Each structure stands twice: as structure tokens, then as C-alpha cells.
Amino acid sequence: MNTPEQKEEKPKKEKHGSFMKELMSGIIFSDVIILKNLWYIIFLTILGAYYIGNRFHAERITRESTRLSREVKDLKAEALSVSTHLMSVSRQSEVSRMISERGLGLEELRRPPYKLVVDK
């Protein structure tokens, strides 16, 4: 039979004082809030670091995309310019003028070319 003396008493958790005293000393923040939610705080810290890194990565991709868009625009303009120059240079009148300027001794055909047929 258990007597009141043999009854094991649970050690009572000593309070550090009133709520205001705990708040002013910082015990409430270190013991109650931070230690009980340590894994949640670690998770939020990792999530925040990932979010910041993702934002920097997205900004870098945006800058790269803008740079490449400008480069494509410049290359399109250059391709159009080269194409226009090639079209003007490859006209028959321009070709004959360039041949006569360089003195290559080539002449323009006056009659159409003909086909040679060899019988065996």
C-alpha cells in the first residue's frame, strides 16, 4: 500500500518568475520560442536561402536573355545589310562593271550557250 510519504512526487518545474520578468530577461525567447521551434526555424532559414538564390538565378537568366535578344537583333540587321549588298553586287550589270574595272579580259556572251552531244 502506498502511503503519502512513499508516493513519488514529480519534481515541479520551477518558474523563472512572472511573464514580464521572463520577457525582459530574454528567457522566453531562448527557451520557449526558439528551442521549441528549432527545426521549424532551420527549415524556414533553408527555405529563405533557397528563395534568395532562386531570385538571383532568375535575374541572371533575365539579364542573359536581354543580352542575347540585343545580339540577335544586331545580327539580323547585319544579315539584312550583307544580303542587300550581295544582291546589288550579284546583278549582271554590276558583275560586268567589276570585270571591266579589274581588267580580267572576260567578255559577256552575245549568243546563248549550246550543248555538245557526242555519239559513241
PDB file of N, CA and C in Angstrom:
ATOM      1  N   MET A   1       0.818  -1.168   0.000  1.00  0.00           N
ATOM      2  CA  MET A   1       0.000   0.000   0.000  1.00  0.00           C
ATOM      3  C   MET A   1       0.867   1.238   0.000  1.00  0.00           C
ATOM      4  N   ASN A   2       0.386   2.161  -0.675  1.00  0.00           N
ATOM      5  CA  ASN A   2       1.150   3.394  -0.794  1.00  0.00           C
ATOM      6  C   ASN A   2       0.735   4.373   0.286  1.00  0.00           C
ATOM      7  N   THR A   3       1.732   4.825   0.932  1.00  0.00           N
ATOM      8  CA  THR A   3       1.480   5.864   1.919  1.00  0.00           C
ATOM      9  C   THR A   3       1.845   7.197   1.307  1.00  0.00           C
ATOM     10  N   PRO A   4       1.351   8.237   1.871  1.00  0.00           N
ATOM     11  CA  PRO A   4       1.652   9.551   1.289  1.00  0.00           C
ATOM     12  C   PRO A   4       3.144   9.848   1.282  1.00  0.00           C
ATOM     13  N   GLU A   5       3.919   9.269   2.196  1.00  0.00           N
ATOM     14  CA  GLU A   5       5.351   9.524   2.207  1.00  0.00           C
ATOM     15  C   GLU A   5       6.032   8.768   1.071  1.00  0.00           C
ATOM     16  N   GLN A   6       5.494   7.588   0.728  1.00  0.00           N
ATOM     17  CA  GLN A   6       6.115   6.785  -0.304  1.00  0.00           C
ATOM     18  C   GLN A   6       5.725   7.257  -1.702  1.00  0.00           C
ATOM     19  N   LYS A   7       4.676   8.017  -1.770  1.00  0.00           N
ATOM     20  CA  LYS A   7       4.227   8.499  -3.062  1.00  0.00           C
ATOM     21  C   LYS A   7       5.326   9.372  -3.664  1.00  0.00           C
ATOM     22  N   GLU A   8       5.687   8.996  -4.876  1.00  0.00           N
ATOM     23  CA  GLU A   8       6.748   9.771  -5.534  1.00  0.00           C
ATOM     24  C   GLU A   8       6.151  11.067  -6.046  1.00  0.00           C
ATOM     25  N   GLU A   9       6.786  12.104  -5.681  1.00  0.00           N
ATOM     26  CA  GLU A   9       6.311  13.387  -6.151  1.00  0.00           C
ATOM     27  C   GLU A   9       7.102  13.781  -7.384  1.00  0.00           C
ATOM     28  N   LYS A  10       6.407  14.279  -8.347  1.00  0.00           N
ATOM     29  CA  LYS A  10       7.060  14.752  -9.562  1.00  0.00           C
ATOM     30  C   LYS A  10       7.737  16.075  -9.235  1.00  0.00           C
ATOM     31  N   PRO A  11       8.963  16.186  -9.686  1.00  0.00           N
ATOM     32  CA  PRO A  11       9.611  17.474  -9.437  1.00  0.00           C
ATOM     33  C   PRO A  11       8.919  18.555 -10.264  1.00  0.00           C
ATOM     34  N   LYS A  12       8.514  19.581  -9.609  1.00  0.00           N
ATOM     35  CA  LYS A  12       7.833  20.672 -10.288  1.00  0.00           C
ATOM     36  C   LYS A  12       8.853  21.526 -11.024  1.00  0.00           C
ATOM     37  N   LYS A  13       8.455  21.921 -12.183  1.00  0.00           N
ATOM     38  CA  LYS A  13       9.319  22.795 -12.963  1.00  0.00           C
ATOM     39  C   LYS A  13       9.234  24.180 -12.338  1.00  0.00           C
ATOM     40  N   GLU A  14      10.391  24.657 -11.999  1.00  0.00           N
ATOM     41  CA  GLU A  14      10.401  25.957 -11.352  1.00  0.00           C
ATOM     42  C   GLU A  14      10.183  27.043 -12.382  1.00  0.00           C
ATOM     43  N   LYS A  15       9.303  27.927 -12.054  1.00  0.00           N
ATOM     44  CA  LYS A  15       9.070  29.057 -12.937  1.00  0.00           C
ATOM     45  C   LYS A  15      10.144  30.094 -12.664  1.00  0.00           C
ATOM     46  N   HIS A  16      10.511  30.771 -13.711  1.00  0.00           N
ATOM     47  CA  HIS A  16      11.550  31.783 -13.582  1.00  0.00           C
ATOM     48  C   HIS A  16      11.000  33.114 -13.108  1.00  0.00           C
ATOM     49  N   GLY A  17       9.748  33.155 -12.866  1.00  0.00           N
ATOM     50  CA  GLY A  17       9.148  34.404 -12.393  1.00  0.00           C
ATOM     51  C   GLY A  17       7.941  34.733 -13.222  1.00  0.00           C
ATOM     52  N   SER A  18       7.596  35.938 -13.195  1.00  0.00           N
ATOM     53  CA  SER A  18       6.404  36.357 -13.925  1.00  0.00           C
ATOM     54  C   SER A  18       6.710  36.468 -15.423  1.00  0.00           C
ATOM     55  N   PHE A  19       5.660  36.611 -16.173  1.00  0.00           N
ATOM     56  CA  PHE A  19       5.782  36.725 -17.626  1.00  0.00           C
ATOM     57  C   PHE A  19       6.618  37.943 -18.019  1.00  0.00           C
ATOM     58  N   MET A  20       6.409  39.042 -17.360  1.00  0.00           N
ATOM     59  CA  MET A  20       7.158  40.264 -17.684  1.00  0.00           C
ATOM     60  C   MET A  20       8.633  40.103 -17.380  1.00  0.00           C
ATOM     61  N   LYS A  21       8.952  39.420 -16.286  1.00  0.00           N
ATOM     62  CA  LYS A  21      10.350  39.201 -15.928  1.00  0.00           C
ATOM     63  C   LYS A  21      11.024  38.305 -16.971  1.00  0.00           C
ATOM     64  N   GLU A  22      10.310  37.263 -17.424  1.00  0.00           N
ATOM     65  CA  GLU A  22      10.864  36.380 -18.464  1.00  0.00           C
ATOM     66  C   GLU A  22      11.030  37.122 -19.777  1.00  0.00           C
ATOM     67  N   LEU A  23      10.075  37.950 -20.076  1.00  0.00           N
ATOM     68  CA  LEU A  23      10.142  38.711 -21.316  1.00  0.00           C
ATOM     69  C   LEU A  23      11.317  39.678 -21.305  1.00  0.00           C
ATOM     70  N   MET A  24      11.525  40.369 -20.204  1.00  0.00           N
ATOM     71  CA  MET A  24      12.610  41.341 -20.107  1.00  0.00           C
ATOM     72  C   MET A  24      13.979  40.674 -20.091  1.00  0.00           C
ATOM     73  N   SER A  25      14.080  39.508 -19.480  1.00  0.00           N
ATOM     74  CA  SER A  25      15.385  38.853 -19.390  1.00  0.00           C
ATOM     75  C   SER A  25      15.734  38.086 -20.664  1.00  0.00           C
ATOM     76  N   GLY A  26      14.750  37.791 -21.497  1.00  0.00           N
ATOM     77  CA  GLY A  26      15.017  37.083 -22.736  1.00  0.00           C
ATOM     78  C   GLY A  26      14.864  35.587 -22.627  1.00  0.00           C
ATOM     79  N   ILE A  27      14.512  35.086 -21.478  1.00  0.00           N
ATOM     80  CA  ILE A  27      14.348  33.656 -21.283  1.00  0.00           C
ATOM     81  C   ILE A  27      13.200  33.130 -22.126  1.00  0.00           C
ATOM     82  N   ILE A  28      12.171  33.907 -22.250  1.00  0.00           N
ATOM     83  CA  ILE A  28      11.013  33.455 -23.023  1.00  0.00           C
ATOM     84  C   ILE A  28      11.382  33.253 -24.482  1.00  0.00           C
ATOM     85  N   PHE A  29      12.282  34.076 -24.986  1.00  0.00           N
ATOM     86  CA  PHE A  29      12.682  33.929 -26.383  1.00  0.00           C
ATOM     87  C   PHE A  29      13.626  32.749 -26.574  1.00  0.00           C
ATOM     88  N   SER A  30      14.555  32.570 -25.660  1.00  0.00           N
ATOM     89  CA  SER A  30      15.530  31.496 -25.837  1.00  0.00           C
ATOM     90  C   SER A  30      14.951  30.134 -25.504  1.00  0.00           C
ATOM     91  N   ASP A  31      14.221  30.006 -24.444  1.00  0.00           N
ATOM     92  CA  ASP A  31      13.693  28.703 -24.029  1.00  0.00           C
ATOM     93  C   ASP A  31      12.386  28.364 -24.728  1.00  0.00           C
ATOM     94  N   VAL A  32      11.454  29.248 -24.646  1.00  0.00           N
ATOM     95  CA  VAL A  32      10.104  28.927 -25.081  1.00  0.00           C
ATOM     96  C   VAL A  32       9.978  28.956 -26.594  1.00  0.00           C
ATOM     97  N   ILE A  33      10.364  30.023 -27.198  1.00  0.00           N
ATOM     98  CA  ILE A  33      10.101  30.204 -28.626  1.00  0.00           C
ATOM     99  C   ILE A  33      11.153  29.511 -29.487  1.00  0.00           C
ATOM    100  N   ILE A  34      12.406  29.783 -29.258  1.00  0.00           N
ATOM    101  CA  ILE A  34      13.452  29.300 -30.149  1.00  0.00           C
ATOM    102  C   ILE A  34      13.714  27.813 -29.981  1.00  0.00           C
ATOM    103  N   LEU A  35      13.889  27.351 -28.784  1.00  0.00           N
ATOM    104  CA  LEU A  35      14.235  25.946 -28.589  1.00  0.00           C
ATOM    105  C   LEU A  35      13.105  24.997 -28.964  1.00  0.00           C
ATOM    106  N   LYS A  36      11.866  25.384 -28.724  1.00  0.00           N
ATOM    107  CA  LYS A  36      10.748  24.509 -29.071  1.00  0.00           C
ATOM    108  C   LYS A  36      10.499  24.465 -30.575  1.00  0.00           C
ATOM    109  N   ASN A  37      10.897  25.496 -31.281  1.00  0.00           N
ATOM    110  CA  ASN A  37      10.653  25.570 -32.721  1.00  0.00           C
ATOM    111  C   ASN A  37      11.949  25.565 -33.526  1.00  0.00           C
ATOM    112  N   LEU A  38      12.982  24.927 -33.020  1.00  0.00           N
ATOM    113  CA  LEU A  38      14.296  24.973 -33.664  1.00  0.00           C
ATOM    114  C   LEU A  38      14.268  24.380 -35.068  1.00  0.00           C
ATOM    115  N   TRP A  39      13.634  23.227 -35.261  1.00  0.00           N
ATOM    116  CA  TRP A  39      13.607  22.599 -36.586  1.00  0.00           C
ATOM    117  C   TRP A  39      12.797  23.430 -37.574  1.00  0.00           C
ATOM    118  N   TYR A  40      11.742  24.038 -37.097  1.00  0.00           N
ATOM    119  CA  TYR A  40      10.938  24.902 -37.961  1.00  0.00           C
ATOM    120  C   TYR A  40      11.747  26.136 -38.381  1.00  0.00           C
ATOM    121  N   ILE A  41      12.500  26.697 -37.471  1.00  0.00           N
ATOM    122  CA  ILE A  41      13.341  27.868 -37.781  1.00  0.00           C
ATOM    123  C   ILE A  41      14.431  27.482 -38.771  1.00  0.00           C
ATOM    124  N   ILE A  42      15.030  26.309 -38.595  1.00  0.00           N
ATOM    125  CA  ILE A  42      16.050  25.833 -39.547  1.00  0.00           C
ATOM    126  C   ILE A  42      15.427  25.649 -40.925  1.00  0.00           C
ATOM    127  N   PHE A  43      14.229  25.046 -40.972  1.00  0.00           N
ATOM    128  CA  PHE A  43      13.532  24.858 -42.243  1.00  0.00           C
ATOM    129  C   PHE A  43      13.255  26.195 -42.920  1.00  0.00           C
ATOM    130  N   LEU A  44      12.776  27.171 -42.159  1.00  0.00           N
ATOM    131  CA  LEU A  44      12.490  28.487 -42.734  1.00  0.00           C
ATOM    132  C   LEU A  44      13.758  29.177 -43.225  1.00  0.00           C
ATOM    133  N   THR A  45      14.865  28.991 -42.511  1.00  0.00           N
ATOM    134  CA  THR A  45      16.134  29.582 -42.933  1.00  0.00           C
ATOM    135  C   THR A  45      16.598  28.979 -44.255  1.00  0.00           C
ATOM    136  N   ILE A  46      16.518  27.656 -44.367  1.00  0.00           N
ATOM    137  CA  ILE A  46      16.918  26.989 -45.616  1.00  0.00           C
ATOM    138  C   ILE A  46      15.994  27.408 -46.751  1.00  0.00           C
ATOM    139  N   LEU A  47      14.701  27.480 -46.474  1.00  0.00           N
ATOM    140  CA  LEU A  47      13.739  27.899 -47.489  1.00  0.00           C
ATOM    141  C   LEU A  47      14.004  29.339 -47.938  1.00  0.00           C
ATOM    142  N   GLY A  48      14.332  30.213 -47.016  1.00  0.00           N
ATOM    143  CA  GLY A  48      14.652  31.603 -47.361  1.00  0.00           C
ATOM    144  C   GLY A  48      15.917  31.704 -48.198  1.00  0.00           C
ATOM    145  N   ALA A  49      16.945  30.919 -47.841  1.00  0.00           N
ATOM    146  CA  ALA A  49      18.189  30.933 -48.623  1.00  0.00           C
ATOM    147  C   ALA A  49      17.928  30.420 -50.035  1.00  0.00           C
ATOM    148  N   TYR A  50      17.108  29.379 -50.155  1.00  0.00           N
ATOM    149  CA  TYR A  50      16.762  28.848 -51.478  1.00  0.00           C
ATOM    150  C   TYR A  50      15.996  29.894 -52.287  1.00  0.00           C
ATOM    151  N   TYR A  51      15.085  30.582 -51.660  1.00  0.00           N
ATOM    152  CA  TYR A  51      14.290  31.617 -52.329  1.00  0.00           C
ATOM    153  C   TYR A  51      15.190  32.746 -52.836  1.00  0.00           C
ATOM    154  N   ILE A  52      16.125  33.184 -52.016  1.00  0.00           N
ATOM    155  CA  ILE A  52      17.051  34.246 -52.419  1.00  0.00           C
ATOM    156  C   ILE A  52      17.929  33.778 -53.569  1.00  0.00           C
ATOM    157  N   GLY A  53      18.445  32.559 -53.475  1.00  0.00           N
ATOM    158  CA  GLY A  53      19.269  32.018 -54.557  1.00  0.00           C
ATOM    159  C   GLY A  53      18.488  31.872 -55.850  1.00  0.00           C
ATOM    160  N   ASN A  54      17.251  31.456 -55.746  1.00  0.00           N
ATOM    161  CA  ASN A  54      16.403  31.312 -56.931  1.00  0.00           C
ATOM    162  C   ASN A  54      16.150  32.666 -57.580  1.00  0.00           C
ATOM    163  N   ARG A  55      15.983  33.691 -56.761  1.00  0.00           N
ATOM    164  CA  ARG A  55      15.761  35.037 -57.299  1.00  0.00           C
ATOM    165  C   ARG A  55      17.000  35.537 -58.050  1.00  0.00           C
ATOM    166  N   PHE A  56      18.178  35.337 -57.475  1.00  0.00           N
ATOM    167  CA  PHE A  56      19.408  35.741 -58.159  1.00  0.00           C
ATOM    168  C   PHE A  56      19.581  34.976 -59.462  1.00  0.00           C
ATOM    169  N   HIS A  57      19.256  33.693 -59.445  1.00  0.00           N
ATOM    170  CA  HIS A  57      19.358  32.876 -60.649  1.00  0.00           C
ATOM    171  C   HIS A  57      18.402  33.392 -61.726  1.00  0.00           C
ATOM    172  N   ALA A  58      17.191  33.730 -61.354  1.00  0.00           N
ATOM    173  CA  ALA A  58      16.204  34.250 -62.308  1.00  0.00           C
ATOM    174  C   ALA A  58      16.647  35.595 -62.877  1.00  0.00           C
ATOM    175  N   GLU A  59      17.222  36.452 -62.052  1.00  0.00           N
ATOM    176  CA  GLU A  59      17.721  37.738 -62.548  1.00  0.00           C
ATOM    177  C   GLU A  59      18.864  37.543 -63.527  1.00  0.00           C
ATOM    178  N   ARG A  60      19.754  36.591 -63.238  1.00  0.00           N
ATOM    179  CA  ARG A  60      20.872  36.317 -64.143  1.00  0.00           C
ATOM    180  C   ARG A  60      20.351  35.802 -65.488  1.00  0.00           C
ATOM    181  N   ILE A  61      19.348  34.938 -65.456  1.00  0.00           N
ATOM    182  CA  ILE A  61      18.774  34.415 -66.693  1.00  0.00           C
ATOM    183  C   ILE A  61      18.101  35.541 -67.475  1.00  0.00           C
ATOM    184  N   THR A  62      17.427  36.450 -66.782  1.00  0.00           N
ATOM    185  CA  THR A  62      16.771  37.576 -67.439  1.00  0.00           C
ATOM    186  C   THR A  62      17.795  38.491 -68.108  1.00  0.00           C
ATOM    187  N   ARG A  63      18.890  38.777 -67.402  1.00  0.00           N
ATOM    188  CA  ARG A  63      19.945  39.612 -67.999  1.00  0.00           C
ATOM    189  C   ARG A  63      20.551  38.935 -69.220  1.00  0.00           C
ATOM    190  N   GLU A  64      20.805  37.635 -69.130  1.00  0.00           N
ATOM    191  CA  GLU A  64      21.371  36.881 -70.253  1.00  0.00           C
ATOM    192  C   GLU A  64      20.406  36.884 -71.440  1.00  0.00           C
ATOM    193  N   SER A  65      19.123  36.718 -71.169  1.00  0.00           N
ATOM    194  CA  SER A  65      18.111  36.723 -72.229  1.00  0.00           C
ATOM    195  C   SER A  65      18.049  38.090 -72.915  1.00  0.00           C
ATOM    196  N   THR A  66      18.123  39.153 -72.140  1.00  0.00           N
ATOM    197  CA  THR A  66      18.112  40.501 -72.704  1.00  0.00           C
ATOM    198  C   THR A  66      19.340  40.735 -73.573  1.00  0.00           C
ATOM    199  N   ARG A  67      20.498  40.280 -73.087  1.00  0.00           N
ATOM    200  CA  ARG A  67      21.739  40.444 -73.857  1.00  0.00           C
ATOM    201  C   ARG A  67      21.662  39.670 -75.165  1.00  0.00           C
ATOM    202  N   LEU A  68      21.160  38.439 -75.105  1.00  0.00           N
ATOM    203  CA  LEU A  68      21.053  37.633 -76.315  1.00  0.00           C
ATOM    204  C   LEU A  68      20.027  38.206 -77.286  1.00  0.00           C
ATOM    205  N   SER A  69      18.962  38.790 -76.770  1.00  0.00           N
ATOM    206  CA  SER A  69      17.960  39.421 -77.644  1.00  0.00           C
ATOM    207  C   SER A  69      18.570  40.594 -78.399  1.00  0.00           C
ATOM    208  N   ARG A  70      19.355  41.404 -77.682  1.00  0.00           N
ATOM    209  CA  ARG A  70      20.035  42.528 -78.356  1.00  0.00           C
ATOM    210  C   ARG A  70      21.013  42.017 -79.403  1.00  0.00           C
ATOM    211  N   GLU A  71      21.739  40.950 -79.089  1.00  0.00           N
ATOM    212  CA  GLU A  71      22.710  40.395 -80.026  1.00  0.00           C
ATOM    213  C   GLU A  71      22.002  39.846 -81.265  1.00  0.00           C
ATOM    214  N   VAL A  72      20.879  39.164 -81.084  1.00  0.00           N
ATOM    215  CA  VAL A  72      20.116  38.642 -82.218  1.00  0.00           C
ATOM    216  C   VAL A  72      19.604  39.784 -83.079  1.00  0.00           C
ATOM    217  N   LYS A  73      19.137  40.837 -82.458  1.00  0.00           N
ATOM    218  CA  LYS A  73      18.644  41.996 -83.204  1.00  0.00           C
ATOM    219  C   LYS A  73      19.767  42.609 -84.041  1.00  0.00           C
ATOM    220  N   ASP A  74      20.957  42.758 -83.447  1.00  0.00           N
ATOM    221  CA  ASP A  74      22.102  43.300 -84.185  1.00  0.00           C
ATOM    222  C   ASP A  74      22.514  42.380 -85.329  1.00  0.00           C
ATOM    223  N   LEU A  75      22.515  41.068 -85.085  1.00  0.00           N
ATOM    224  CA  LEU A  75      22.897  40.125 -86.129  1.00  0.00           C
ATOM    225  C   LEU A  75      21.876  40.094 -87.264  1.00  0.00           C
ATOM    226  N   LYS A  76      20.592  40.260 -86.951  1.00  0.00           N
ATOM    227  CA  LYS A  76      19.572  40.324 -88.001  1.00  0.00           C
ATOM    228  C   LYS A  76      19.798  41.546 -88.881  1.00  0.00           C
ATOM    229  N   ALA A  77      20.102  42.682 -88.252  1.00  0.00           N
ATOM    230  CA  ALA A  77      20.367  43.897 -89.022  1.00  0.00           C
ATOM    231  C   ALA A  77      21.604  43.714 -89.902  1.00  0.00           C
ATOM    232  N   GLU A  78      22.638  43.092 -89.354  1.00  0.00           N
ATOM    233  CA  GLU A  78      23.855  42.854 -90.134  1.00  0.00           C
ATOM    234  C   GLU A  78      23.584  41.881 -91.282  1.00  0.00           C
ATOM    235  N   ALA A  79      22.797  40.829 -91.040  1.00  0.00           N
ATOM    236  CA  ALA A  79      22.470  39.861 -92.090  1.00  0.00           C
ATOM    237  C   ALA A  79      21.676  40.533 -93.208  1.00  0.00           C
ATOM    238  N   LEU A  80      20.752  41.402 -92.844  1.00  0.00           N
ATOM    239  CA  LEU A  80      19.981  42.123 -93.847  1.00  0.00           C
ATOM    240  C   LEU A  80      20.887  43.028 -94.675  1.00  0.00           C
ATOM    241  N   SER A  81      21.820  43.685 -94.026  1.00  0.00           N
ATOM    242  CA  SER A  81      22.758  44.561 -94.726  1.00  0.00           C
ATOM    243  C   SER A  81      23.638  43.769 -95.692  1.00  0.00           C
ATOM    244  N   VAL A  82      24.161  42.645 -95.243  1.00  0.00           N
ATOM    245  CA  VAL A  82      25.020  41.810 -96.091  1.00  0.00           C
ATOM    246  C   VAL A  82      24.213  41.240 -97.258  1.00  0.00           C
ATOM    247  N   SER A  83      22.988  40.821 -96.992  1.00  0.00           N
ATOM    248  CA  SER A  83      22.140  40.277 -98.044  1.00  0.00           C
ATOM    249  C   SER A  83      21.839  41.328 -99.106  1.00  0.00           C
ATOM    250  N   THR A  84      21.552  42.543 -98.682  1.00  0.00           N
ATOM    251  CA  THR A  84      21.291  43.633 -99.623  1.00  0.00           C
ATOM    252  C   THR A  84      22.524  43.927-100.456  1.00  0.00           C
ATOM    253  N   HIS A  85      23.683  43.959 -99.838  1.00  0.00           N
ATOM    254  CA  HIS A  85      24.935  44.210-100.551  1.00  0.00           C
ATOM    255  C   HIS A  85      25.207  43.095-101.566  1.00  0.00           C
ATOM    256  N   LEU A  86      24.989  41.856-101.162  1.00  0.00           N
ATOM    257  CA  LEU A  86      25.209  40.716-102.060  1.00  0.00           C
ATOM    258  C   LEU A  86      24.251  40.770-103.246  1.00  0.00           C
ATOM    259  N   MET A  87      23.007  41.145-103.006  1.00  0.00           N
ATOM    260  CA  MET A  87      22.042  41.257-104.099  1.00  0.00           C
ATOM    261  C   MET A  87      22.463  42.333-105.091  1.00  0.00           C
ATOM    262  N   SER A  88      22.962  43.463-104.591  1.00  0.00           N
ATOM    263  CA  SER A  88      23.361  44.545-105.502  1.00  0.00           C
ATOM    264  C   SER A  88      24.640  44.192-106.252  1.00  0.00           C
ATOM    265  N   VAL A  89      25.548  43.476-105.627  1.00  0.00           N
ATOM    266  CA  VAL A  89      26.812  43.116-106.268  1.00  0.00           C
ATOM    267  C   VAL A  89      26.616  42.000-107.292  1.00  0.00           C
ATOM    268  N   SER A  90      25.643  41.124-107.086  1.00  0.00           N
ATOM    269  CA  SER A  90      25.476  39.973-107.974  1.00  0.00           C
ATOM    270  C   SER A  90      24.604  40.272-109.196  1.00  0.00           C
ATOM    271  N   ARG A  91      24.145  41.497-109.374  1.00  0.00           N
ATOM    272  CA  ARG A  91      23.415  41.845-110.594  1.00  0.00           C
ATOM    273  C   ARG A  91      24.358  41.763-111.794  1.00  0.00           C
ATOM    274  N   GLN A  92      23.789  41.444-112.941  1.00  0.00           N
ATOM    275  CA  GLN A  92      24.618  41.236-114.137  1.00  0.00           C
ATOM    276  C   GLN A  92      25.373  42.501-114.521  1.00  0.00           C
ATOM    277  N   SER A  93      24.742  43.643-114.409  1.00  0.00           N
ATOM    278  CA  SER A  93      25.410  44.888-114.781  1.00  0.00           C
ATOM    279  C   SER A  93      26.584  45.172-113.839  1.00  0.00           C
ATOM    280  N   GLU A  94      26.411  44.873-112.532  1.00  0.00           N
ATOM    281  CA  GLU A  94      27.495  45.092-111.564  1.00  0.00           C
ATOM    282  C   GLU A  94      28.646  44.132-111.817  1.00  0.00           C
ATOM    283  N   VAL A  95      28.325  42.883-112.135  1.00  0.00           N
ATOM    284  CA  VAL A  95      29.376  41.890-112.403  1.00  0.00           C
ATOM    285  C   VAL A  95      30.194  42.309-113.612  1.00  0.00           C
ATOM    286  N   SER A  96      29.531  42.718-114.694  1.00  0.00           N
ATOM    287  CA  SER A  96      30.272  43.138-115.889  1.00  0.00           C
ATOM    288  C   SER A  96      31.100  44.391-115.606  1.00  0.00           C
ATOM    289  N   ARG A  97      30.582  45.317-114.820  1.00  0.00           N
ATOM    290  CA  ARG A  97      31.342  46.525-114.469  1.00  0.00           C
ATOM    291  C   ARG A  97      32.582  46.165-113.650  1.00  0.00           C
ATOM    292  N   MET A  98      32.454  45.253-112.679  1.00  0.00           N
ATOM    293  CA  MET A  98      33.588  44.859-111.848  1.00  0.00           C
ATOM    294  C   MET A  98      34.631  44.105-112.663  1.00  0.00           C
ATOM    295  N   ILE A  99      34.209  43.314-113.647  1.00  0.00           N
ATOM    296  CA  ILE A  99      35.154  42.583-114.505  1.00  0.00           C
ATOM    297  C   ILE A  99      35.950  43.567-115.346  1.00  0.00           C
ATOM    298  N   SER A 100      35.262  44.576-115.896  1.00  0.00           N
ATOM    299  CA  SER A 100      35.976  45.562-116.725  1.00  0.00           C
ATOM    300  C   SER A 100      36.907  46.430-115.876  1.00  0.00           C
ATOM    301  N   GLU A 101      36.535  46.740-114.625  1.00  0.00           N
ATOM    302  CA  GLU A 101      37.395  47.547-113.747  1.00  0.00           C
ATOM    303  C   GLU A 101      38.672  46.793-113.399  1.00  0.00           C
ATOM    304  N   ARG A 102      38.562  45.510-113.170  1.00  0.00           N
ATOM    305  CA  ARG A 102      39.725  44.715-112.750  1.00  0.00           C
ATOM    306  C   ARG A 102      40.538  44.219-113.945  1.00  0.00           C
ATOM    307  N   GLY A 103      40.047  44.390-115.132  1.00  0.00           N
ATOM    308  CA  GLY A 103      40.788  44.011-116.331  1.00  0.00           C
ATOM    309  C   GLY A 103      41.033  42.518-116.430  1.00  0.00           C
ATOM    310  N   LEU A 104      40.031  41.731-116.219  1.00  0.00           N
ATOM    311  CA  LEU A 104      40.180  40.275-116.261  1.00  0.00           C
ATOM    312  C   LEU A 104      40.141  39.734-117.689  1.00  0.00           C
ATOM    313  N   GLY A 105      39.688  40.515-118.640  1.00  0.00           N
ATOM    314  CA  GLY A 105      39.651  40.085-120.030  1.00  0.00           C
ATOM    315  C   GLY A 105      38.514  39.137-120.342  1.00  0.00           C
ATOM    316  N   LEU A 106      37.496  39.119-119.546  1.00  0.00           N
ATOM    317  CA  LEU A 106      36.326  38.277-119.801  1.00  0.00           C
ATOM    318  C   LEU A 106      35.296  39.087-120.575  1.00  0.00           C
ATOM    319  N   GLU A 107      34.554  38.404-121.439  1.00  0.00           N
ATOM    320  CA  GLU A 107      33.522  39.073-122.226  1.00  0.00           C
ATOM    321  C   GLU A 107      32.177  38.442-121.943  1.00  0.00           C
ATOM    322  N   GLU A 108      31.152  39.230-122.159  1.00  0.00           N
ATOM    323  CA  GLU A 108      29.792  38.745-122.000  1.00  0.00           C
ATOM    324  C   GLU A 108      29.397  38.022-123.289  1.00  0.00           C
ATOM    325  N   LEU A 109      28.694  36.902-123.167  1.00  0.00           N
ATOM    326  CA  LEU A 109      28.265  36.152-124.345  1.00  0.00           C
ATOM    327  C   LEU A 109      27.208  36.935-125.114  1.00  0.00           C
ATOM    328  N   ARG A 110      27.316  36.906-126.433  1.00  0.00           N
ATOM    329  CA  ARG A 110      26.342  37.600-127.266  1.00  0.00           C
ATOM    330  C   ARG A 110      25.250  36.638-127.736  1.00  0.00           C
ATOM    331  N   ARG A 111      25.555  35.357-127.788  1.00  0.00           N
ATOM    332  CA  ARG A 111      24.572  34.363-128.181  1.00  0.00           C
ATOM    333  C   ARG A 111      24.463  33.325-127.074  1.00  0.00           C
ATOM    334  N   PRO A 112      23.363  32.606-126.994  1.00  0.00           N
ATOM    335  CA  PRO A 112      23.180  31.640-125.919  1.00  0.00           C
ATOM    336  C   PRO A 112      24.136  30.457-126.034  1.00  0.00           C
ATOM    337  N   PRO A 113      24.468  29.828-124.942  1.00  0.00           N
ATOM    338  CA  PRO A 113      25.370  28.676-124.990  1.00  0.00           C
ATOM    339  C   PRO A 113      24.685  27.496-125.676  1.00  0.00           C
ATOM    340  N   TYR A 114      25.486  26.594-126.208  1.00  0.00           N
ATOM    341  CA  TYR A 114      24.921  25.433-126.877  1.00  0.00           C
ATOM    342  C   TYR A 114      25.477  24.176-126.245  1.00  0.00           C
ATOM    343  N   LYS A 115      24.789  23.091-126.487  1.00  0.00           N
ATOM    344  CA  LYS A 115      25.093  21.814-125.857  1.00  0.00           C
ATOM    345  C   LYS A 115      25.843  20.940-126.843  1.00  0.00           C
ATOM    346  N   LEU A 116      26.934  20.332-126.411  1.00  0.00           N
ATOM    347  CA  LEU A 116      27.698  19.395-127.239  1.00  0.00           C
ATOM    348  C   LEU A 116      27.194  17.980-126.987  1.00  0.00           C
ATOM    349  N   VAL A 117      26.917  17.293-128.045  1.00  0.00           N
ATOM    350  CA  VAL A 117      26.444  15.926-127.935  1.00  0.00           C
ATOM    351  C   VAL A 117      27.456  15.039-128.647  1.00  0.00           C
ATOM    352  N   VAL A 118      27.971  14.026-127.977  1.00  0.00           N
ATOM    353  CA  VAL A 118      28.957  13.120-128.555  1.00  0.00           C
ATOM    354  C   VAL A 118      28.301  11.763-128.749  1.00  0.00           C
ATOM    355  N   ASP A 119      28.368  11.246-129.988  1.00  0.00           N
ATOM    356  CA  ASP A 119      27.824   9.921-130.288  1.00  0.00           C
ATOM    357  C   ASP A 119      28.901   8.890-130.065  1.00  0.00           C
ATOM    358  N   LYS A 120      28.567   7.770-129.522  1.00  0.00           N
ATOM    359  CA  LYS A 120      29.545   6.708-129.327  1.00  0.00           C
ATOM    360  C   LYS A 120      29.420   5.661-130.366  1.00  0.00           C
TER     361      LYS A 120
END
